[in-house]
Amino acid sequence: MEIKKHGYKIGVFVVNILIVALAICGMKDRDKNKFSLENKTEENVVPIDATVASIQNKIATERENKLRDLNTAPKAIEQQNTVTTKTTTTPEVKTKSPDKKTKTS
């Protein structure tokens, strides 16, 4: 009667196996639906007008030319020489002469 002792553990094990099997089947179905949607998008494709295509090509070439110009010859930094003047005033230094004359020996 070992089965009765471990019946709960066996039941949990079986439920876990079923959950894993359902998850695997769900992932396979999800991938199948993803691929089928990609195939359906090719229906009813209407070509664009020739003028629209030419305008788009013109815009693309202008953009490529601008990017190429920026990569080959970047804008030079213009240096502006500015002269600044600064006036400083220095205080007058007064020298004191000794009031008392000392005797020299």
Protein backbone atom coordinates (compact mmCIF):
# COMPACT_ATOMS: atom_id res chain seq x y z
CA MET A 1 0.00 0.00 0.00
CA GLU A 2 2.81 2.36 -0.84
CA ILE A 3 0.64 4.01 -3.49
CA LYS A 4 -1.84 5.29 -0.90
CA LYS A 5 0.98 6.93 1.08
CA HIS A 6 2.30 8.81 -1.97
CA GLY A 7 -1.03 9.37 -3.75
CA TYR A 8 -1.01 13.12 -3.09
CA LYS A 9 2.52 13.49 -4.50
CA ILE A 10 1.66 11.41 -7.57
CA GLY A 11 -1.48 13.51 -8.17
CA VAL A 12 0.50 16.76 -8.02
CA PHE A 13 3.10 15.28 -10.37
CA VAL A 14 0.43 14.30 -12.92
CA VAL A 15 -1.18 17.76 -12.75
CA ASN A 16 2.22 19.40 -13.35
CA ILE A 17 2.83 17.20 -16.39
CA LEU A 18 -0.58 18.19 -17.81
CA ILE A 19 0.14 21.90 -17.28
CA VAL A 20 3.47 21.60 -19.09
CA ALA A 21 1.84 19.71 -21.99
CA LEU A 22 -0.89 22.37 -22.34
CA ALA A 23 1.71 25.16 -22.29
CA ILE A 24 3.72 23.49 -25.07
CA CYS A 25 0.61 23.02 -27.21
CA GLY A 26 -0.37 26.68 -26.65
CA MET A 27 3.06 27.90 -27.77
CA LYS A 28 2.91 25.79 -30.94
CA ASP A 29 -0.56 27.13 -31.79
CA ARG A 30 0.56 30.69 -31.18
CA ASP A 31 3.50 30.27 -33.58
CA LYS A 32 1.21 28.77 -36.24
CA ASN A 33 -1.17 31.72 -36.00
CA LYS A 34 1.71 34.14 -36.27
CA PHE A 35 2.94 32.64 -39.53
CA SER A 36 -0.53 32.46 -41.03
CA LEU A 37 -1.10 36.19 -40.41
CA GLU A 38 2.10 37.07 -42.22
CA ASN A 39 0.92 35.21 -45.31
CA LYS A 40 -2.47 36.95 -45.35
CA THR A 41 -1.02 40.47 -45.48
CA GLU A 42 0.09 40.08 -49.10
CA GLU A 43 -3.47 40.28 -50.40
CA ASN A 44 -4.86 43.37 -52.15
CA VAL A 45 -1.61 45.23 -52.71
CA VAL A 46 -2.22 48.36 -54.78
CA PRO A 47 0.81 49.92 -56.52
CA ILE A 48 1.41 53.61 -55.87
CA ASP A 49 1.18 56.29 -58.50
CA ALA A 50 4.31 57.02 -60.54
CA THR A 51 4.40 60.66 -59.44
CA VAL A 52 4.39 59.65 -55.77
CA ALA A 53 7.22 57.20 -56.38
CA SER A 54 9.29 59.85 -58.19
CA ILE A 55 8.76 62.39 -55.40
CA GLN A 56 9.78 59.81 -52.78
CA ASN A 57 12.91 58.95 -54.76
CA LYS A 58 13.78 62.64 -55.10
CA ILE A 59 13.42 63.18 -51.35
CA ALA A 60 15.54 60.11 -50.63
CA THR A 61 18.36 61.24 -52.94
CA GLU A 62 18.35 64.76 -51.48
CA ARG A 63 18.60 63.30 -47.99
CA GLU A 64 21.47 61.03 -49.00
CA ASN A 65 23.30 63.96 -50.61
CA LYS A 66 22.91 66.11 -47.50
CA LEU A 67 24.18 63.33 -45.26
CA ARG A 68 27.11 62.67 -47.59
CA ASP A 69 28.02 66.37 -47.61
CA LEU A 70 27.93 66.51 -43.82
CA ASN A 71 30.10 63.43 -43.51
CA THR A 72 32.73 64.54 -46.02
CA ALA A 73 32.91 68.27 -45.26
CA PRO A 74 31.48 69.16 -41.86
CA LYS A 75 30.78 72.79 -41.17
CA ALA A 76 33.82 74.71 -40.03
CA ILE A 77 33.61 76.48 -36.72
CA GLU A 78 33.83 80.20 -37.29
CA GLN A 79 36.04 81.93 -34.78
CA GLN A 80 35.20 85.51 -34.00
CA ASN A 81 38.01 87.62 -32.62
CA THR A 82 36.57 90.05 -30.11
CA VAL A 83 38.64 92.68 -28.41
CA THR A 84 37.76 93.54 -24.87
CA THR A 85 39.18 96.54 -23.09
CA LYS A 86 39.57 96.64 -19.36
CA THR A 87 40.59 99.75 -17.49
CA THR A 88 42.16 99.37 -14.11
CA THR A 89 43.05 102.07 -11.66
CA THR A 90 45.88 101.72 -9.23
CA PRO A 91 45.83 103.64 -5.98
CA GLU A 92 48.50 106.27 -5.47
CA VAL A 93 51.28 105.25 -3.13
CA LYS A 94 52.40 107.99 -0.79
CA THR A 95 55.84 107.70 0.66
CA LYS A 96 56.42 109.13 4.08
CA SER A 97 59.59 110.87 4.85
CA PRO A 98 60.83 110.46 8.41
CA ASP A 99 59.80 113.33 10.61
CA LYS A 100 62.76 113.13 12.91
CA LYS A 101 66.22 113.22 11.66
CA THR A 102 68.54 110.77 13.28
CA LYS A 103 72.17 111.31 13.90
CA THR A 104 74.47 109.15 12.00
CA SER A 105 77.68 108.18 13.68
